[in-house]
Amino acid sequence: MLTSKQRAYLRGLANSYEAIVHVGKGGVGATIIKQADDALTARELIKGKVLETAPETAREVAEQIAAEIGAEVVMTIGRTFVLYRRHPEEPKIMLPRK
């Protein structure tokens, strides 16, 4: 569970990131889950975008992906969402203490 201070720190980091997960009219499928899982393993923090044709909102998509891969939803704004999952062996992002 992230604290508000940690969420703010991660939001600041994600500001300069480009969206690498795009959810369209097909919704969240196995390929989207796999793509997000691989990206989080490599980067720990990813930004995603939900297209206008998608059947779900950004909040629903973010929560669904996070539940599937064991990540945390950092934020959702409009059609954009940010997910975080700490790397188990080699963390790259050092969060502020709780």
Protein backbone atom coordinates (compact mmCIF):
# COMPACT_ATOMS: atom_id res chain seq x y z
CA MET A 1 0.00 0.00 0.00
CA LEU A 2 1.40 3.35 -1.06
CA THR A 3 1.23 6.43 1.14
CA SER A 4 0.12 9.78 -0.27
CA LYS A 5 3.72 10.99 -0.19
CA GLN A 6 4.87 7.97 -2.21
CA ARG A 7 2.00 8.42 -4.69
CA ALA A 8 2.97 12.07 -5.18
CA TYR A 9 6.59 11.07 -5.79
CA LEU A 10 5.57 8.44 -8.37
CA ARG A 11 3.17 10.88 -10.09
CA GLY A 12 6.07 13.29 -10.47
CA LEU A 13 8.26 10.60 -12.01
CA ALA A 14 5.51 9.48 -14.38
CA ASN A 15 4.95 13.03 -15.62
CA SER A 16 7.67 12.74 -18.23
CA TYR A 17 6.79 9.17 -19.28
CA GLU A 18 5.05 8.29 -22.53
CA ALA A 19 2.06 5.94 -22.45
CA ILE A 20 3.22 2.45 -23.41
CA VAL A 21 0.00 0.51 -22.76
CA HIS A 22 -2.94 1.43 -24.98
CA VAL A 23 -6.38 -0.07 -24.39
CA GLY A 24 -8.83 0.18 -27.28
CA LYS A 25 -12.22 -1.21 -28.25
CA GLY A 26 -11.12 -4.77 -27.48
CA GLY A 27 -10.82 -3.89 -23.80
CA VAL A 28 -8.36 -5.54 -21.45
CA GLY A 29 -7.25 -8.87 -22.90
CA ALA A 30 -4.44 -11.31 -22.29
CA THR A 31 -2.05 -9.36 -24.53
CA ILE A 32 -2.63 -6.11 -22.63
CA ILE A 33 -2.06 -7.89 -19.32
CA LYS A 34 1.16 -9.51 -20.63
CA GLN A 35 2.41 -6.20 -22.05
CA ALA A 36 1.77 -4.37 -18.76
CA ASP A 37 3.37 -7.19 -16.73
CA ASP A 38 6.52 -7.22 -18.89
CA ALA A 39 6.77 -3.41 -18.83
CA LEU A 40 6.41 -3.27 -15.03
CA THR A 41 9.08 -5.93 -14.60
CA ALA A 42 11.46 -3.87 -16.71
CA ARG A 43 10.54 -0.37 -15.50
CA GLU A 44 8.52 -0.59 -12.24
CA LEU A 45 6.41 2.42 -13.29
CA ILE A 46 4.31 2.65 -16.45
CA LYS A 47 1.78 4.98 -17.96
CA GLY A 48 -1.20 3.75 -19.96
CA LYS A 49 -3.91 5.31 -22.04
CA VAL A 50 -7.51 4.25 -22.63
CA LEU A 51 -8.78 5.16 -26.09
CA GLU A 52 -12.23 6.65 -26.65
CA THR A 53 -13.44 3.43 -28.25
CA ALA A 54 -12.71 1.36 -25.13
CA PRO A 55 -15.74 -0.07 -23.30
CA GLU A 56 -14.35 0.77 -19.82
CA THR A 57 -13.13 3.88 -18.05
CA ALA A 58 -9.48 4.46 -17.22
CA ARG A 59 -10.15 3.72 -13.53
CA GLU A 60 -11.78 0.37 -14.35
CA VAL A 61 -8.97 -0.60 -16.74
CA ALA A 62 -6.24 0.38 -14.27
CA GLU A 63 -7.83 -1.54 -11.41
CA GLN A 64 -8.40 -4.61 -13.58
CA ILE A 65 -4.80 -4.69 -14.82
CA ALA A 66 -3.42 -4.00 -11.33
CA ALA A 67 -5.46 -6.83 -9.83
CA GLU A 68 -4.28 -9.27 -12.51
CA ILE A 69 -0.55 -8.55 -12.19
CA GLY A 70 -0.19 -7.48 -8.56
CA ALA A 71 0.49 -3.80 -9.20
CA GLU A 72 -0.81 -0.63 -7.57
CA VAL A 73 -2.76 2.14 -9.24
CA VAL A 74 -0.85 5.38 -8.66
CA MET A 75 -3.33 7.66 -10.41
CA THR A 76 -5.95 8.05 -13.11
CA ILE A 77 -6.59 11.35 -14.82
CA GLY A 78 -9.01 11.50 -17.72
CA ARG A 79 -8.07 8.60 -19.99
CA THR A 80 -4.56 8.15 -18.57
CA PHE A 81 -3.47 5.86 -15.75
CA VAL A 82 -0.20 5.08 -13.98
CA LEU A 83 0.72 1.72 -12.43
CA TYR A 84 3.58 0.80 -10.09
CA ARG A 85 5.05 -2.52 -9.01
CA ARG A 86 8.34 -2.80 -7.14
CA HIS A 87 10.89 -5.14 -8.71
CA PRO A 88 11.40 -8.04 -6.27
CA GLU A 89 15.19 -8.36 -6.68
CA GLU A 90 16.56 -5.13 -8.13
CA PRO A 91 14.35 -2.12 -7.35
CA LYS A 92 15.22 0.92 -9.48
CA ILE A 93 12.88 3.43 -7.88
CA MET A 94 13.58 4.33 -4.27
CA LEU A 95 10.34 5.48 -2.64
CA PRO A 96 10.23 8.00 0.23
CA ARG A 97 9.92 6.29 3.60
CA LYS A 98 6.51 5.69 5.12
